[in-house]
Amino acid sequence: MASVRPFVLPGPAQNRLQAVTLPALSGNELSSYLMHRLIGVGFQGETLFLEKDLKQIYQQSMGNLNLVNQLAH
């Protein structure tokens, strides 16, 4: 059985990593957040998500950014 070794950055870079816990989005923030992400990758136009889609994403993610990103993908 192969052993798994943790990934470690070389030199001083390993000391500059931080873990950040972000608060969950509110239902009102979800649409703005998704549009911000879309614009960041070059999207131009109206939102891609209908109101029912936003409600479903929020209900399933409870505003957790990691889950929001996965569900919106």
C-alpha atoms as a PDB file:
ATOM      1  CA  MET A   1       0.000   0.000   0.000  1.00  0.00           C
ATOM      2  CA  ALA A   2       1.363   3.412  -0.965  1.00  0.00           C
ATOM      3  CA  SER A   3       1.766   5.966   1.752  1.00  0.00           C
ATOM      4  CA  VAL A   4       0.288   9.429   1.293  1.00  0.00           C
ATOM      5  CA  ARG A   5       2.573  12.347   1.992  1.00  0.00           C
ATOM      6  CA  PRO A   6       1.121  15.791   2.668  1.00  0.00           C
ATOM      7  CA  PHE A   7       1.853  18.502   0.119  1.00  0.00           C
ATOM      8  CA  VAL A   8       4.275  21.048   1.539  1.00  0.00           C
ATOM      9  CA  LEU A   9       5.355  24.211  -0.233  1.00  0.00           C
ATOM     10  CA  PRO A  10       9.114  24.702  -0.369  1.00  0.00           C
ATOM     11  CA  GLY A  11      10.911  27.318   1.690  1.00  0.00           C
ATOM     12  CA  PRO A  12       9.247  30.318   3.303  1.00  0.00           C
ATOM     13  CA  ALA A  13       6.058  29.993   1.181  1.00  0.00           C
ATOM     14  CA  GLN A  14       4.744  27.340   3.558  1.00  0.00           C
ATOM     15  CA  ASN A  15       4.598  29.924   6.344  1.00  0.00           C
ATOM     16  CA  ARG A  16       2.407  32.340   4.355  1.00  0.00           C
ATOM     17  CA  LEU A  17      -0.674  30.172   3.916  1.00  0.00           C
ATOM     18  CA  GLN A  18      -3.789  31.033   5.851  1.00  0.00           C
ATOM     19  CA  ALA A  19      -7.145  29.367   6.234  1.00  0.00           C
ATOM     20  CA  VAL A  20     -10.067  31.770   6.072  1.00  0.00           C
ATOM     21  CA  THR A  21     -13.625  31.016   7.090  1.00  0.00           C
ATOM     22  CA  LEU A  22     -16.107  33.214   5.271  1.00  0.00           C
ATOM     23  CA  PRO A  23     -19.607  33.837   6.547  1.00  0.00           C
ATOM     24  CA  ALA A  24     -22.516  32.372   4.611  1.00  0.00           C
ATOM     25  CA  LEU A  25     -24.284  34.569   2.087  1.00  0.00           C
ATOM     26  CA  SER A  26     -27.779  35.777   2.739  1.00  0.00           C
ATOM     27  CA  GLY A  27     -30.486  35.018   0.214  1.00  0.00           C
ATOM     28  CA  ASN A  28     -30.309  38.631  -0.969  1.00  0.00           C
ATOM     29  CA  GLU A  29     -26.536  38.460  -1.571  1.00  0.00           C
ATOM     30  CA  LEU A  30     -26.611  35.293  -3.672  1.00  0.00           C
ATOM     31  CA  SER A  31     -27.601  36.864  -6.996  1.00  0.00           C
ATOM     32  CA  SER A  32     -24.980  39.623  -6.689  1.00  0.00           C
ATOM     33  CA  TYR A  33     -22.284  37.120  -5.758  1.00  0.00           C
ATOM     34  CA  LEU A  34     -23.032  34.868  -8.732  1.00  0.00           C
ATOM     35  CA  MET A  35     -23.126  37.835 -11.118  1.00  0.00           C
ATOM     36  CA  HIS A  36     -19.789  39.037  -9.716  1.00  0.00           C
ATOM     37  CA  ARG A  37     -18.285  35.614 -10.436  1.00  0.00           C
ATOM     38  CA  LEU A  38     -19.722  35.551 -13.964  1.00  0.00           C
ATOM     39  CA  ILE A  39     -18.415  39.020 -14.800  1.00  0.00           C
ATOM     40  CA  GLY A  40     -15.015  37.998 -13.425  1.00  0.00           C
ATOM     41  CA  VAL A  41     -14.728  35.318 -16.112  1.00  0.00           C
ATOM     42  CA  GLY A  42     -15.857  37.627 -18.898  1.00  0.00           C
ATOM     43  CA  PHE A  43     -19.620  37.088 -18.985  1.00  0.00           C
ATOM     44  CA  GLN A  44     -21.599  39.975 -20.465  1.00  0.00           C
ATOM     45  CA  GLY A  45     -25.343  40.091 -20.351  1.00  0.00           C
ATOM     46  CA  GLU A  46     -28.267  39.405 -18.102  1.00  0.00           C
ATOM     47  CA  THR A  47     -28.076  36.904 -15.290  1.00  0.00           C
ATOM     48  CA  LEU A  48     -28.084  33.231 -16.225  1.00  0.00           C
ATOM     49  CA  PHE A  49     -30.132  32.223 -13.192  1.00  0.00           C
ATOM     50  CA  LEU A  50     -33.884  32.489 -12.854  1.00  0.00           C
ATOM     51  CA  GLU A  51     -35.363  33.409  -9.474  1.00  0.00           C
ATOM     52  CA  LYS A  52     -36.403  29.779  -8.927  1.00  0.00           C
ATOM     53  CA  ASP A  53     -32.826  28.662  -9.610  1.00  0.00           C
ATOM     54  CA  LEU A  54     -31.465  31.125  -7.075  1.00  0.00           C
ATOM     55  CA  LYS A  55     -33.950  29.933  -4.469  1.00  0.00           C
ATOM     56  CA  GLN A  56     -32.979  26.313  -5.084  1.00  0.00           C
ATOM     57  CA  ILE A  57     -29.246  27.066  -4.884  1.00  0.00           C
ATOM     58  CA  TYR A  58     -29.782  28.967  -1.651  1.00  0.00           C
ATOM     59  CA  GLN A  59     -31.970  26.267  -0.098  1.00  0.00           C
ATOM     60  CA  GLN A  60     -29.421  23.576  -0.899  1.00  0.00           C
ATOM     61  CA  SER A  61     -26.343  25.580   0.103  1.00  0.00           C
ATOM     62  CA  MET A  62     -27.704  27.716   2.959  1.00  0.00           C
ATOM     63  CA  GLY A  63     -25.351  30.404   1.617  1.00  0.00           C
ATOM     64  CA  ASN A  64     -22.169  28.337   2.040  1.00  0.00           C
ATOM     65  CA  LEU A  65     -19.848  29.732  -0.660  1.00  0.00           C
ATOM     66  CA  ASN A  66     -18.239  26.405  -1.469  1.00  0.00           C
ATOM     67  CA  LEU A  67     -21.621  24.788  -2.028  1.00  0.00           C
ATOM     68  CA  VAL A  68     -22.941  27.810  -3.936  1.00  0.00           C
ATOM     69  CA  ASN A  69     -20.017  27.536  -6.355  1.00  0.00           C
ATOM     70  CA  GLN A  70     -20.540  23.810  -6.828  1.00  0.00           C
ATOM     71  CA  LEU A  71     -24.289  24.086  -7.372  1.00  0.00           C
ATOM     72  CA  ALA A  72     -23.988  27.008  -9.791  1.00  0.00           C
ATOM     73  CA  HIS A  73     -21.355  25.300 -11.914  1.00  0.00           C
END
